[in-house]
N, C-alpha and C. Protein backbone atom coordinates (compact mmCIF):
# COMPACT_ATOMS: atom_id res chain seq x y z
N MET A 1 66.87 49.79 168.52
CA MET A 1 66.05 48.63 168.31
C MET A 1 66.58 47.51 169.20
N LEU A 2 65.72 47.06 170.08
CA LEU A 2 66.09 46.00 171.02
C LEU A 2 65.43 44.70 170.57
N LEU A 3 66.25 43.74 170.17
CA LEU A 3 65.75 42.46 169.71
C LEU A 3 66.18 41.37 170.68
N ARG A 4 65.28 40.40 170.86
CA ARG A 4 65.59 39.25 171.70
C ARG A 4 65.07 38.00 171.05
N LEU A 5 65.79 36.92 171.25
CA LEU A 5 65.35 35.62 170.76
C LEU A 5 64.93 34.76 171.95
N ASN A 6 63.95 33.90 171.72
CA ASN A 6 63.45 33.01 172.76
C ASN A 6 64.16 31.67 172.62
N ILE A 7 64.96 31.32 173.60
CA ILE A 7 65.72 30.08 173.55
C ILE A 7 64.80 28.86 173.51
N ALA A 8 63.63 28.96 174.12
CA ALA A 8 62.69 27.84 174.17
C ALA A 8 61.92 27.66 172.86
N ASP A 9 62.01 28.64 171.96
CA ASP A 9 61.30 28.57 170.68
C ASP A 9 61.91 27.48 169.81
N ASN A 10 61.07 26.65 169.21
CA ASN A 10 61.55 25.55 168.37
C ASN A 10 61.83 25.95 166.93
N ARG A 11 61.41 27.17 166.53
CA ARG A 11 61.64 27.59 165.16
C ARG A 11 63.12 27.78 164.90
N PRO A 12 63.55 27.63 163.64
CA PRO A 12 64.96 27.89 163.31
C PRO A 12 65.34 29.32 163.68
N LEU A 13 66.61 29.52 164.01
CA LEU A 13 67.07 30.83 164.46
C LEU A 13 66.84 31.93 163.44
N HIS A 14 67.04 31.64 162.15
CA HIS A 14 66.84 32.69 161.15
C HIS A 14 65.38 33.15 161.11
N GLU A 15 64.44 32.24 161.36
CA GLU A 15 63.03 32.62 161.42
C GLU A 15 62.75 33.46 162.66
N GLN A 16 63.41 33.15 163.76
CA GLN A 16 63.25 33.94 164.98
C GLN A 16 63.80 35.34 164.77
N VAL A 17 64.95 35.45 164.10
CA VAL A 17 65.54 36.76 163.81
C VAL A 17 64.57 37.57 162.96
N ALA A 18 64.06 36.96 161.88
CA ALA A 18 63.11 37.64 161.01
C ALA A 18 61.86 38.06 161.79
N GLY A 19 61.37 37.17 162.64
CA GLY A 19 60.18 37.49 163.44
C GLY A 19 60.41 38.65 164.39
N ALA A 20 61.59 38.70 165.00
CA ALA A 20 61.90 39.79 165.93
C ALA A 20 61.94 41.13 165.19
N ILE A 21 62.54 41.14 164.01
CA ILE A 21 62.61 42.38 163.23
C ILE A 21 61.22 42.74 162.70
N ARG A 22 60.46 41.74 162.28
CA ARG A 22 59.09 41.96 161.80
C ARG A 22 58.25 42.62 162.89
N ARG A 23 58.39 42.13 164.13
CA ARG A 23 57.64 42.71 165.25
C ARG A 23 58.08 44.15 165.52
N ALA A 24 59.39 44.40 165.44
CA ALA A 24 59.89 45.75 165.67
C ALA A 24 59.31 46.72 164.64
N ILE A 25 59.18 46.27 163.41
CA ILE A 25 58.59 47.11 162.37
C ILE A 25 57.11 47.32 162.64
N ALA A 26 56.39 46.24 162.95
CA ALA A 26 54.95 46.33 163.20
C ALA A 26 54.62 47.20 164.40
N GLU A 27 55.49 47.18 165.41
CA GLU A 27 55.23 47.96 166.62
C GLU A 27 55.76 49.38 166.53
N GLY A 28 56.34 49.75 165.39
CA GLY A 28 56.78 51.12 165.18
C GLY A 28 58.17 51.45 165.70
N GLU A 29 58.91 50.44 166.15
CA GLU A 29 60.29 50.70 166.59
C GLU A 29 61.17 51.09 165.41
N CYS A 30 60.83 50.59 164.24
CA CYS A 30 61.56 50.91 163.01
C CYS A 30 60.54 51.45 162.02
N ALA A 31 60.79 52.64 161.52
CA ALA A 31 59.89 53.27 160.56
C ALA A 31 60.45 53.13 159.15
N PRO A 32 59.59 53.28 158.14
CA PRO A 32 60.08 53.23 156.77
C PRO A 32 61.24 54.21 156.57
N GLY A 33 62.28 53.73 155.94
CA GLY A 33 63.48 54.55 155.70
C GLY A 33 64.54 54.40 156.76
N ASP A 34 64.17 53.86 157.93
CA ASP A 34 65.17 53.65 158.98
C ASP A 34 66.18 52.60 158.54
N ARG A 35 67.40 52.84 158.93
CA ARG A 35 68.47 51.90 158.59
C ARG A 35 68.68 50.94 159.74
N LEU A 36 68.81 49.66 159.43
CA LEU A 36 69.07 48.65 160.45
C LEU A 36 70.56 48.59 160.74
N PRO A 37 70.92 48.17 161.94
CA PRO A 37 72.35 47.95 162.23
C PRO A 37 72.91 46.88 161.30
N PRO A 38 74.21 46.91 161.07
CA PRO A 38 74.82 45.88 160.23
C PRO A 38 74.57 44.48 160.80
N ALA A 39 74.56 43.49 159.92
CA ALA A 39 74.30 42.11 160.33
C ALA A 39 75.28 41.65 161.40
N ARG A 40 76.51 42.08 161.30
CA ARG A 40 77.52 41.67 162.28
C ARG A 40 77.16 42.18 163.68
N GLU A 41 76.68 43.44 163.76
CA GLU A 41 76.27 43.99 165.06
C GLU A 41 75.04 43.24 165.60
N LEU A 42 74.08 42.98 164.71
CA LEU A 42 72.89 42.25 165.14
C LEU A 42 73.25 40.85 165.63
N SER A 43 74.18 40.20 164.94
CA SER A 43 74.56 38.84 165.34
C SER A 43 75.22 38.84 166.71
N LEU A 44 76.05 39.83 166.98
CA LEU A 44 76.68 39.92 168.30
C LEU A 44 75.65 40.18 169.39
N ALA A 45 74.70 41.08 169.10
CA ALA A 45 73.67 41.42 170.09
C ALA A 45 72.76 40.24 170.38
N LEU A 46 72.48 39.43 169.35
CA LEU A 46 71.57 38.30 169.52
C LEU A 46 72.28 37.01 169.90
N GLY A 47 73.60 36.98 169.77
CA GLY A 47 74.36 35.79 170.11
C GLY A 47 74.22 34.68 169.10
N VAL A 48 74.06 35.05 167.82
CA VAL A 48 73.96 34.06 166.75
C VAL A 48 74.97 34.39 165.66
N ASN A 49 75.15 33.48 164.74
CA ASN A 49 76.07 33.65 163.64
C ASN A 49 75.57 34.75 162.69
N ALA A 50 76.47 35.51 162.10
CA ALA A 50 76.11 36.57 161.16
C ALA A 50 75.34 36.02 159.96
N ASN A 51 75.68 34.80 159.52
CA ASN A 51 74.97 34.20 158.39
C ASN A 51 73.51 33.91 158.74
N THR A 52 73.25 33.60 159.99
CA THR A 52 71.88 33.38 160.45
C THR A 52 71.09 34.67 160.35
N VAL A 53 71.70 35.77 160.77
CA VAL A 53 71.05 37.08 160.68
C VAL A 53 70.81 37.44 159.22
N LEU A 54 71.82 37.24 158.38
CA LEU A 54 71.67 37.56 156.96
C LEU A 54 70.54 36.75 156.32
N ARG A 55 70.40 35.51 156.71
CA ARG A 55 69.32 34.68 156.16
C ARG A 55 67.96 35.24 156.56
N GLY A 56 67.84 35.68 157.81
CA GLY A 56 66.59 36.30 158.26
C GLY A 56 66.32 37.60 157.54
N LEU A 57 67.36 38.41 157.33
CA LEU A 57 67.20 39.68 156.63
C LEU A 57 66.78 39.45 155.17
N ARG A 58 67.36 38.45 154.53
CA ARG A 58 66.99 38.16 153.14
C ARG A 58 65.53 37.72 153.04
N ALA A 59 65.06 36.96 154.02
CA ALA A 59 63.65 36.55 154.03
C ALA A 59 62.74 37.77 154.12
N LEU A 60 63.12 38.74 154.95
CA LEU A 60 62.32 39.96 155.08
C LEU A 60 62.40 40.81 153.82
N ARG A 61 63.54 40.79 153.15
CA ARG A 61 63.66 41.49 151.86
C ARG A 61 62.72 40.86 150.85
N ASP A 62 62.68 39.52 150.83
CA ASP A 62 61.81 38.81 149.90
C ASP A 62 60.33 39.09 150.18
N GLU A 63 59.99 39.36 151.43
CA GLU A 63 58.62 39.71 151.81
C GLU A 63 58.28 41.16 151.48
N GLY A 64 59.28 41.94 151.13
CA GLY A 64 59.06 43.34 150.81
C GLY A 64 59.14 44.27 152.00
N LEU A 65 59.65 43.77 153.13
CA LEU A 65 59.74 44.60 154.34
C LEU A 65 61.04 45.38 154.42
N LEU A 66 62.09 44.85 153.81
CA LEU A 66 63.39 45.50 153.86
C LEU A 66 63.91 45.74 152.45
N GLU A 67 64.77 46.73 152.34
CA GLU A 67 65.45 47.02 151.07
C GLU A 67 66.95 46.96 151.32
N PHE A 68 67.66 46.29 150.42
CA PHE A 68 69.12 46.23 150.49
C PHE A 68 69.65 47.18 149.44
N ARG A 69 70.50 48.11 149.86
CA ARG A 69 71.08 49.06 148.91
C ARG A 69 72.58 49.13 149.13
N ARG A 70 73.28 48.89 148.06
CA ARG A 70 74.74 48.92 148.12
C ARG A 70 75.20 50.30 148.62
N GLY A 71 76.04 50.28 149.62
CA GLY A 71 76.57 51.52 150.18
C GLY A 71 75.68 52.19 151.20
N ARG A 72 74.41 51.78 151.28
CA ARG A 72 73.48 52.40 152.23
C ARG A 72 72.98 51.40 153.26
N GLY A 73 73.31 50.14 153.08
CA GLY A 73 72.92 49.12 154.05
C GLY A 73 71.49 48.66 153.86
N VAL A 74 70.91 48.17 154.94
CA VAL A 74 69.56 47.62 154.93
C VAL A 74 68.62 48.63 155.57
N THR A 75 67.55 48.98 154.84
CA THR A 75 66.58 49.93 155.36
C THR A 75 65.18 49.32 155.34
N VAL A 76 64.33 49.88 156.18
CA VAL A 76 62.93 49.44 156.24
C VAL A 76 62.22 50.02 155.02
N ALA A 77 61.51 49.17 154.30
CA ALA A 77 60.81 49.59 153.08
C ALA A 77 59.59 50.44 153.42
N GLY A 78 59.20 51.28 152.48
CA GLY A 78 57.99 52.08 152.64
C GLY A 78 56.78 51.18 152.74
N GLY A 79 55.88 51.46 153.65
CA GLY A 79 54.68 50.65 153.84
C GLY A 79 54.94 49.33 154.56
N ALA A 80 56.13 49.18 155.11
CA ALA A 80 56.50 47.91 155.73
C ALA A 80 55.69 47.61 156.99
N ALA A 81 55.31 48.64 157.74
CA ALA A 81 54.61 48.40 159.00
C ALA A 81 53.28 47.69 158.77
N GLY A 82 52.51 48.17 157.81
CA GLY A 82 51.23 47.53 157.51
C GLY A 82 51.42 46.14 156.96
N ARG A 83 52.39 45.99 156.07
CA ARG A 83 52.66 44.67 155.47
C ARG A 83 53.15 43.70 156.54
N SER A 84 53.99 44.19 157.47
CA SER A 84 54.51 43.33 158.53
C SER A 84 53.39 42.81 159.41
N ALA A 85 52.48 43.69 159.78
CA ALA A 85 51.37 43.28 160.63
C ALA A 85 50.48 42.27 159.90
N LEU A 86 50.26 42.51 158.61
CA LEU A 86 49.43 41.59 157.83
C LEU A 86 50.12 40.24 157.67
N MET A 87 51.42 40.24 157.41
CA MET A 87 52.16 38.98 157.28
C MET A 87 52.10 38.17 158.57
N GLU A 88 52.17 38.85 159.70
CA GLU A 88 52.09 38.15 161.00
C GLU A 88 50.72 37.48 161.13
N ARG A 89 49.67 38.18 160.72
CA ARG A 89 48.33 37.60 160.80
C ARG A 89 48.19 36.42 159.84
N VAL A 90 48.80 36.53 158.65
CA VAL A 90 48.75 35.42 157.69
C VAL A 90 49.45 34.20 158.27
N ARG A 91 50.61 34.41 158.88
CA ARG A 91 51.34 33.29 159.49
C ARG A 91 50.51 32.63 160.58
N GLU A 92 49.82 33.45 161.38
CA GLU A 92 48.96 32.89 162.42
C GLU A 92 47.81 32.10 161.80
N LEU A 93 47.24 32.61 160.71
CA LEU A 93 46.15 31.91 160.03
C LEU A 93 46.62 30.55 159.51
N VAL A 94 47.80 30.53 158.90
CA VAL A 94 48.33 29.27 158.37
C VAL A 94 48.58 28.28 159.51
N ALA A 95 49.14 28.78 160.61
CA ALA A 95 49.40 27.90 161.76
C ALA A 95 48.09 27.37 162.34
N ASP A 96 47.09 28.25 162.49
CA ASP A 96 45.79 27.82 163.01
C ASP A 96 45.14 26.81 162.07
N GLY A 97 45.22 27.08 160.77
CA GLY A 97 44.65 26.16 159.79
C GLY A 97 45.31 24.79 159.86
N ALA A 98 46.63 24.77 159.99
CA ALA A 98 47.36 23.50 160.08
C ALA A 98 46.94 22.71 161.32
N ARG A 99 46.76 23.41 162.43
CA ARG A 99 46.32 22.74 163.66
C ARG A 99 44.94 22.11 163.49
N LEU A 100 44.10 22.75 162.65
CA LEU A 100 42.75 22.25 162.42
C LEU A 100 42.66 21.30 161.23
N GLY A 101 43.80 21.02 160.60
CA GLY A 101 43.83 20.05 159.51
C GLY A 101 43.63 20.63 158.12
N TYR A 102 43.70 21.95 157.97
CA TYR A 102 43.53 22.57 156.66
C TYR A 102 44.89 22.81 156.02
N SER A 103 44.97 22.55 154.72
CA SER A 103 46.20 22.83 153.98
C SER A 103 46.22 24.30 153.55
N LYS A 104 47.35 24.74 153.05
CA LYS A 104 47.44 26.11 152.53
C LYS A 104 46.49 26.30 151.36
N GLY A 105 46.35 25.27 150.54
CA GLY A 105 45.40 25.33 149.43
C GLY A 105 43.96 25.50 149.91
N ASP A 106 43.61 24.79 150.98
CA ASP A 106 42.27 24.94 151.56
C ASP A 106 42.05 26.37 152.03
N LEU A 107 43.07 26.93 152.66
CA LEU A 107 42.95 28.30 153.15
C LEU A 107 42.81 29.30 152.01
N MET A 108 43.55 29.04 150.91
CA MET A 108 43.46 29.92 149.74
C MET A 108 42.02 29.90 149.18
N GLU A 109 41.43 28.73 149.12
CA GLU A 109 40.05 28.61 148.63
C GLU A 109 39.09 29.36 149.55
N MET A 110 39.29 29.25 150.85
CA MET A 110 38.44 29.97 151.80
C MET A 110 38.56 31.48 151.59
N ILE A 111 39.77 31.95 151.35
CA ILE A 111 39.99 33.38 151.14
C ILE A 111 39.30 33.83 149.86
N LYS A 112 39.40 33.03 148.80
CA LYS A 112 38.73 33.36 147.54
C LYS A 112 37.21 33.42 147.73
N GLU A 113 36.68 32.49 148.52
CA GLU A 113 35.23 32.48 148.77
C GLU A 113 34.79 33.70 149.59
N ALA A 114 35.68 34.20 150.42
CA ALA A 114 35.32 35.33 151.30
C ALA A 114 35.27 36.66 150.55
N GLN A 115 35.79 36.70 149.34
CA GLN A 115 35.83 37.98 148.61
C GLN A 115 34.49 38.41 148.13
């Protein structure tokens, strides 16, 4: 798994780390059940602090994309590829909505109306 961060990106580093892993999952570089390298290795490869990597990994765990298992490390959750792609689209929708002046609540109402 080859991850890169964009130095020109204004997002916090932990969000960039999570985004890079999310893309790797969505693009099939990491399949469900695959084990990720340890946070220390990822931090060295990306040139960031290990705590930054761990924060990004925890965010992905909270999204349901990763599973943390004692003694087995961090693995990609089952069904993560589809969820990762959908989460990316949701983030784009929220960003587009914000640019157009819509709040998250407004977007939620639009989604409810579309059902």
